[in-house]
């Protein structure tokens, strides 16, 4: 029985803490998502370009 009491207390505390959370608005969420997607694409492009350049450079050295 003691474990059920602890579970009930945990669930109650979780509910209380969830009420304290400052949830983002839809506009903030969309803006943040756009920033993450654009940043990821830019970083992927940069890493891809560096990979191509270094691959060609290493290929020239090993010839």
PDB file of N, CA and C in Angstrom:
ATOM      1  N   UNK A   1       0.826  -1.209   0.000  1.00  0.00           N
ATOM      2  CA  UNK A   1       0.000   0.000   0.000  1.00  0.00           C
ATOM      3  C   UNK A   1       0.862   1.262   0.000  1.00  0.00           C
ATOM      4  N   UNK A   2       2.021   1.194   0.568  1.00  0.00           N
ATOM      5  CA  UNK A   2       2.864   2.371   0.664  1.00  0.00           C
ATOM      6  C   UNK A   2       3.274   2.875  -0.732  1.00  0.00           C
ATOM      7  N   UNK A   3       3.486   1.933  -1.646  1.00  0.00           N
ATOM      8  CA  UNK A   3       3.890   2.324  -2.998  1.00  0.00           C
ATOM      9  C   UNK A   3       2.767   3.078  -3.714  1.00  0.00           C
ATOM     10  N   UNK A   4       1.520   2.691  -3.503  1.00  0.00           N
ATOM     11  CA  UNK A   4       0.389   3.387  -4.131  1.00  0.00           C
ATOM     12  C   UNK A   4       0.272   4.817  -3.616  1.00  0.00           C
ATOM     13  N   UNK A   5       0.552   5.016  -2.342  1.00  0.00           N
ATOM     14  CA  UNK A   5       0.536   6.360  -1.772  1.00  0.00           C
ATOM     15  C   UNK A   5       1.611   7.244  -2.390  1.00  0.00           C
ATOM     16  N   UNK A   6       2.789   6.654  -2.618  1.00  0.00           N
ATOM     17  CA  UNK A   6       3.881   7.419  -3.226  1.00  0.00           C
ATOM     18  C   UNK A   6       3.552   7.776  -4.678  1.00  0.00           C
ATOM     19  N   UNK A   7       2.930   6.837  -5.381  1.00  0.00           N
ATOM     20  CA  UNK A   7       2.536   7.108  -6.766  1.00  0.00           C
ATOM     21  C   UNK A   7       1.495   8.216  -6.815  1.00  0.00           C
ATOM     22  N   UNK A   8       0.524   8.173  -5.931  1.00  0.00           N
ATOM     23  CA  UNK A   8      -0.515   9.203  -5.889  1.00  0.00           C
ATOM     24  C   UNK A   8       0.092  10.564  -5.563  1.00  0.00           C
ATOM     25  N   UNK A   9       1.031  10.595  -4.634  1.00  0.00           N
ATOM     26  CA  UNK A   9       1.692  11.849  -4.270  1.00  0.00           C
ATOM     27  C   UNK A   9       2.488  12.386  -5.465  1.00  0.00           C
ATOM     28  N   UNK A  10       3.179  11.494  -6.170  1.00  0.00           N
ATOM     29  CA  UNK A  10       3.952  11.902  -7.341  1.00  0.00           C
ATOM     30  C   UNK A  10       3.047  12.524  -8.399  1.00  0.00           C
ATOM     31  N   UNK A  11       1.926  11.872  -8.688  1.00  0.00           N
ATOM     32  CA  UNK A  11       1.010  12.381  -9.707  1.00  0.00           C
ATOM     33  C   UNK A  11       0.457  13.741  -9.293  1.00  0.00           C
ATOM     34  N   UNK A  12       0.136  13.896  -8.032  1.00  0.00           N
ATOM     35  CA  UNK A  12      -0.364  15.177  -7.526  1.00  0.00           C
ATOM     36  C   UNK A  12       0.685  16.274  -7.686  1.00  0.00           C
ATOM     37  N   UNK A  13       1.930  15.948  -7.356  1.00  0.00           N
ATOM     38  CA  UNK A  13       3.006  16.934  -7.477  1.00  0.00           C
ATOM     39  C   UNK A  13       3.274  17.291  -8.945  1.00  0.00           C
ATOM     40  N   UNK A  14       3.161  16.305  -9.815  1.00  0.00           N
ATOM     41  CA  UNK A  14       3.343  16.577 -11.238  1.00  0.00           C
ATOM     42  C   UNK A  14       2.270  17.539 -11.732  1.00  0.00           C
ATOM     43  N   UNK A  15       1.024  17.335 -11.325  1.00  0.00           N
ATOM     44  CA  UNK A  15      -0.059  18.234 -11.726  1.00  0.00           C
ATOM     45  C   UNK A  15       0.207  19.660 -11.265  1.00  0.00           C
ATOM     46  N   UNK A  16       0.676  19.804 -10.031  1.00  0.00           N
ATOM     47  CA  UNK A  16       0.965  21.134  -9.483  1.00  0.00           C
ATOM     48  C   UNK A  16       2.087  21.803 -10.284  1.00  0.00           C
ATOM     49  N   UNK A  17       3.144  21.053 -10.585  1.00  0.00           N
ATOM     50  CA  UNK A  17       4.270  21.624 -11.316  1.00  0.00           C
ATOM     51  C   UNK A  17       3.889  21.971 -12.757  1.00  0.00           C
ATOM     52  N   UNK A  18       3.031  21.159 -13.371  1.00  0.00           N
ATOM     53  CA  UNK A  18       2.609  21.436 -14.744  1.00  0.00           C
ATOM     54  C   UNK A  18       1.805  22.726 -14.832  1.00  0.00           C
ATOM     55  N   UNK A  19       1.134  23.105 -13.769  1.00  0.00           N
ATOM     56  CA  UNK A  19       0.386  24.363 -13.750  1.00  0.00           C
ATOM     57  C   UNK A  19       1.322  25.568 -13.691  1.00  0.00           C
ATOM     58  N   UNK A  20       2.563  25.356 -13.241  1.00  0.00           N
ATOM     59  CA  UNK A  20       3.541  26.440 -13.136  1.00  0.00           C
ATOM     60  C   UNK A  20       4.294  26.674 -14.450  1.00  0.00           C
ATOM     61  N   UNK A  21       4.173  25.757 -15.383  1.00  0.00           N
ATOM     62  CA  UNK A  21       4.921  25.843 -16.637  1.00  0.00           C
ATOM     63  C   UNK A  21       4.412  27.015 -17.471  1.00  0.00           C
ATOM     64  N   UNK A  22       5.350  27.779 -18.017  1.00  0.00           N
ATOM     65  CA  UNK A  22       5.007  28.872 -18.924  1.00  0.00           C
ATOM     66  C   UNK A  22       5.051  28.316 -20.344  1.00  0.00           C
ATOM     67  N   UNK A  23       3.882  27.998 -20.902  1.00  0.00           N
ATOM     68  CA  UNK A  23       3.800  27.395 -22.217  1.00  0.00           C
ATOM     69  C   UNK A  23       3.984  28.461 -23.291  1.00  0.00           C
ATOM     70  N   UNK A  24       4.660  28.104 -24.375  1.00  0.00           N
ATOM     71  CA  UNK A  24       4.883  29.017 -25.487  1.00  0.00           C
ATOM     72  C   UNK A  24       3.584  29.207 -26.265  1.00  0.00           C
ATOM     73  N   UNK A  25       3.484  30.380 -26.891  1.00  0.00           N
ATOM     74  CA  UNK A  25       2.345  30.613 -27.776  1.00  0.00           C
ATOM     75  C   UNK A  25       2.618  29.919 -29.112  1.00  0.00           C
ATOM     76  N   UNK A  26       1.591  29.804 -29.935  1.00  0.00           N
ATOM     77  CA  UNK A  26       1.749  29.163 -31.240  1.00  0.00           C
ATOM     78  C   UNK A  26       2.748  29.927 -32.090  1.00  0.00           C
ATOM     79  N   UNK A  27       2.705  31.251 -32.032  1.00  0.00           N
ATOM     80  CA  UNK A  27       3.616  32.075 -32.820  1.00  0.00           C
ATOM     81  C   UNK A  27       5.071  31.849 -32.387  1.00  0.00           C
ATOM     82  N   UNK A  28       5.303  31.778 -31.077  1.00  0.00           N
ATOM     83  CA  UNK A  28       6.655  31.523 -30.577  1.00  0.00           C
ATOM     84  C   UNK A  28       7.146  30.148 -31.010  1.00  0.00           C
ATOM     85  N   UNK A  29       6.267  29.181 -30.953  1.00  0.00           N
ATOM     86  CA  UNK A  29       6.626  27.817 -31.333  1.00  0.00           C
ATOM     87  C   UNK A  29       6.970  27.725 -32.817  1.00  0.00           C
ATOM     88  N   UNK A  30       6.155  28.358 -33.663  1.00  0.00           N
ATOM     89  CA  UNK A  30       6.415  28.349 -35.104  1.00  0.00           C
ATOM     90  C   UNK A  30       7.728  29.069 -35.407  1.00  0.00           C
ATOM     91  N   UNK A  31       7.957  30.198 -34.761  1.00  0.00           N
ATOM     92  CA  UNK A  31       9.195  30.953 -34.981  1.00  0.00           C
ATOM     93  C   UNK A  31      10.422  30.173 -34.553  1.00  0.00           C
ATOM     94  N   UNK A  32      10.351  29.550 -33.395  1.00  0.00           N
ATOM     95  CA  UNK A  32      11.476  28.759 -32.904  1.00  0.00           C
ATOM     96  C   UNK A  32      11.742  27.563 -33.808  1.00  0.00           C
ATOM     97  N   UNK A  33      10.683  26.930 -34.271  1.00  0.00           N
ATOM     98  CA  UNK A  33      10.834  25.787 -35.172  1.00  0.00           C
ATOM     99  C   UNK A  33      11.495  26.216 -36.468  1.00  0.00           C
ATOM    100  N   UNK A  34      11.093  27.353 -37.002  1.00  0.00           N
ATOM    101  CA  UNK A  34      11.693  27.852 -38.232  1.00  0.00           C
ATOM    102  C   UNK A  34      13.178  28.131 -38.038  1.00  0.00           C
ATOM    103  N   UNK A  35      13.541  28.718 -36.924  1.00  0.00           N
ATOM    104  CA  UNK A  35      14.950  29.006 -36.644  1.00  0.00           C
ATOM    105  C   UNK A  35      15.751  27.709 -36.574  1.00  0.00           C
ATOM    106  N   UNK A  36      15.209  26.698 -35.922  1.00  0.00           N
ATOM    107  CA  UNK A  36      15.910  25.418 -35.802  1.00  0.00           C
ATOM    108  C   UNK A  36      16.072  24.759 -37.169  1.00  0.00           C
ATOM    109  N   UNK A  37      15.024  24.753 -37.974  1.00  0.00           N
ATOM    110  CA  UNK A  37      15.102  24.122 -39.296  1.00  0.00           C
ATOM    111  C   UNK A  37      16.103  24.848 -40.191  1.00  0.00           C
ATOM    112  N   UNK A  38      16.043  26.172 -40.216  1.00  0.00           N
ATOM    113  CA  UNK A  38      16.964  26.950 -41.048  1.00  0.00           C
ATOM    114  C   UNK A  38      18.402  26.764 -40.578  1.00  0.00           C
ATOM    115  N   UNK A  39      18.621  26.807 -39.272  1.00  0.00           N
ATOM    116  CA  UNK A  39      19.967  26.611 -38.729  1.00  0.00           C
ATOM    117  C   UNK A  39      20.502  25.227 -39.076  1.00  0.00           C
ATOM    118  N   UNK A  40      19.653  24.218 -38.978  1.00  0.00           N
ATOM    119  CA  UNK A  40      20.066  22.851 -39.296  1.00  0.00           C
ATOM    120  C   UNK A  40      20.442  22.732 -40.771  1.00  0.00           C
ATOM    121  N   UNK A  41      19.636  23.323 -41.652  1.00  0.00           N
ATOM    122  CA  UNK A  41      19.941  23.273 -43.083  1.00  0.00           C
ATOM    123  C   UNK A  41      21.247  24.004 -43.409  1.00  0.00           C
ATOM    124  N   UNK A  42      21.446  25.159 -42.798  1.00  0.00           N
ATOM    125  CA  UNK A  42      22.690  25.902 -43.026  1.00  0.00           C
ATOM    126  C   UNK A  42      23.907  25.122 -42.538  1.00  0.00           C
ATOM    127  N   UNK A  43      23.797  24.539 -41.357  1.00  0.00           N
ATOM    128  CA  UNK A  43      24.911  23.771 -40.817  1.00  0.00           C
ATOM    129  C   UNK A  43      25.181  22.532 -41.661  1.00  0.00           C
ATOM    130  N   UNK A  44      24.127  21.848 -42.104  1.00  0.00           N
ATOM    131  CA  UNK A  44      24.293  20.671 -42.958  1.00  0.00           C
ATOM    132  C   UNK A  44      24.960  21.058 -44.273  1.00  0.00           C
ATOM    133  N   UNK A  45      24.553  22.179 -44.848  1.00  0.00           N
ATOM    134  CA  UNK A  45      25.174  22.653 -46.085  1.00  0.00           C
ATOM    135  C   UNK A  45      26.643  22.977 -45.892  1.00  0.00           C
ATOM    136  N   UNK A  46      26.956  23.654 -44.802  1.00  0.00           N
ATOM    137  CA  UNK A  46      28.349  24.003 -44.507  1.00  0.00           C
ATOM    138  C   UNK A  46      29.197  22.745 -44.329  1.00  0.00           C
ATOM    139  N   UNK A  47      28.709  21.804 -43.542  1.00  0.00           N
ATOM    140  CA  UNK A  47      29.460  20.568 -43.307  1.00  0.00           C
ATOM    141  C   UNK A  47      29.617  19.791 -44.611  1.00  0.00           C
ATOM    142  N   UNK A  48      28.578  19.772 -45.435  1.00  0.00           N
ATOM    143  CA  UNK A  48      28.670  19.098 -46.730  1.00  0.00           C
ATOM    144  C   UNK A  48      29.723  19.716 -47.629  1.00  0.00           C
ATOM    145  N   UNK A  49      29.749  21.041 -47.678  1.00  0.00           N
ATOM    146  CA  UNK A  49      30.739  21.732 -48.507  1.00  0.00           C
ATOM    147  C   UNK A  49      32.159  21.470 -47.996  1.00  0.00           C
ATOM    148  N   UNK A  50      32.351  21.546 -46.697  1.00  0.00           N
ATOM    149  CA  UNK A  50      33.668  21.276 -46.117  1.00  0.00           C
ATOM    150  C   UNK A  50      34.082  19.840 -46.426  1.00  0.00           C
ATOM    151  N   UNK A  51      33.147  18.908 -46.347  1.00  0.00           N
ATOM    152  CA  UNK A  51      33.436  17.507 -46.647  1.00  0.00           C
ATOM    153  C   UNK A  51      33.890  17.349 -48.098  1.00  0.00           C
ATOM    154  N   UNK A  52      33.190  17.985 -49.021  1.00  0.00           N
ATOM    155  CA  UNK A  52      33.558  17.890 -50.443  1.00  0.00           C
ATOM    156  C   UNK A  52      34.948  18.474 -50.679  1.00  0.00           C
ATOM    157  N   UNK A  53      35.197  19.653 -50.114  1.00  0.00           N
ATOM    158  CA  UNK A  53      36.497  20.306 -50.307  1.00  0.00           C
ATOM    159  C   UNK A  53      37.612  19.451 -49.715  1.00  0.00           C
ATOM    160  N   UNK A  54      37.425  18.970 -48.506  1.00  0.00           N
ATOM    161  CA  UNK A  54      38.478  18.162 -47.880  1.00  0.00           C
ATOM    162  C   UNK A  54      38.679  16.840 -48.599  1.00  0.00           C
ATOM    163  N   UNK A  55      37.606  16.247 -49.113  1.00  0.00           N
ATOM    164  CA  UNK A  55      37.730  14.990 -49.868  1.00  0.00           C
ATOM    165  C   UNK A  55      38.557  15.201 -51.132  1.00  0.00           C
ATOM    166  N   UNK A  56      38.286  16.277 -51.845  1.00  0.00           N
ATOM    167  CA  UNK A  56      39.046  16.569 -53.059  1.00  0.00           C
ATOM    168  C   UNK A  56      40.509  16.868 -52.719  1.00  0.00           C
ATOM    169  N   UNK A  57      40.728  17.600 -51.642  1.00  0.00           N
ATOM    170  CA  UNK A  57      42.090  17.931 -51.206  1.00  0.00           C
ATOM    171  C   UNK A  57      42.862  16.667 -50.840  1.00  0.00           C
ATOM    172  N   UNK A  58      42.247  15.794 -50.078  1.00  0.00           N
ATOM    173  CA  UNK A  58      42.900  14.541 -49.690  1.00  0.00           C
ATOM    174  C   UNK A  58      43.143  13.672 -50.936  1.00  0.00           C
ATOM    175  N   UNK A  59      42.182  13.683 -51.875  1.00  0.00           N
ATOM    176  CA  UNK A  59      42.365  12.940 -53.126  1.00  0.00           C
ATOM    177  C   UNK A  59      43.552  13.429 -53.911  1.00  0.00           C
ATOM    178  N   UNK A  60      43.767  14.729 -53.957  1.00  0.00           N
ATOM    179  CA  UNK A  60      44.932  15.291 -54.657  1.00  0.00           C
ATOM    180  C   UNK A  60      46.239  14.907 -53.963  1.00  0.00           C
ATOM    181  N   UNK A  61      46.234  14.912 -52.654  1.00  0.00           N
ATOM    182  CA  UNK A  61      47.450  14.573 -51.886  1.00  0.00           C
ATOM    183  C   UNK A  61      47.818  13.104 -52.097  1.00  0.00           C
ATOM    184  N   UNK A  62      46.830  12.224 -52.136  1.00  0.00           N
ATOM    185  CA  UNK A  62      47.096  10.786 -52.214  1.00  0.00           C
ATOM    186  C   UNK A  62      47.408  10.309 -53.635  1.00  0.00           C
ATOM    187  N   UNK A  63      47.266  11.151 -54.631  1.00  0.00           N
ATOM    188  CA  UNK A  63      47.585  10.758 -56.017  1.00  0.00           C
ATOM    189  C   UNK A  63      49.036  10.514 -56.211  1.00  0.00           C
TER     190      UNK A  63
END
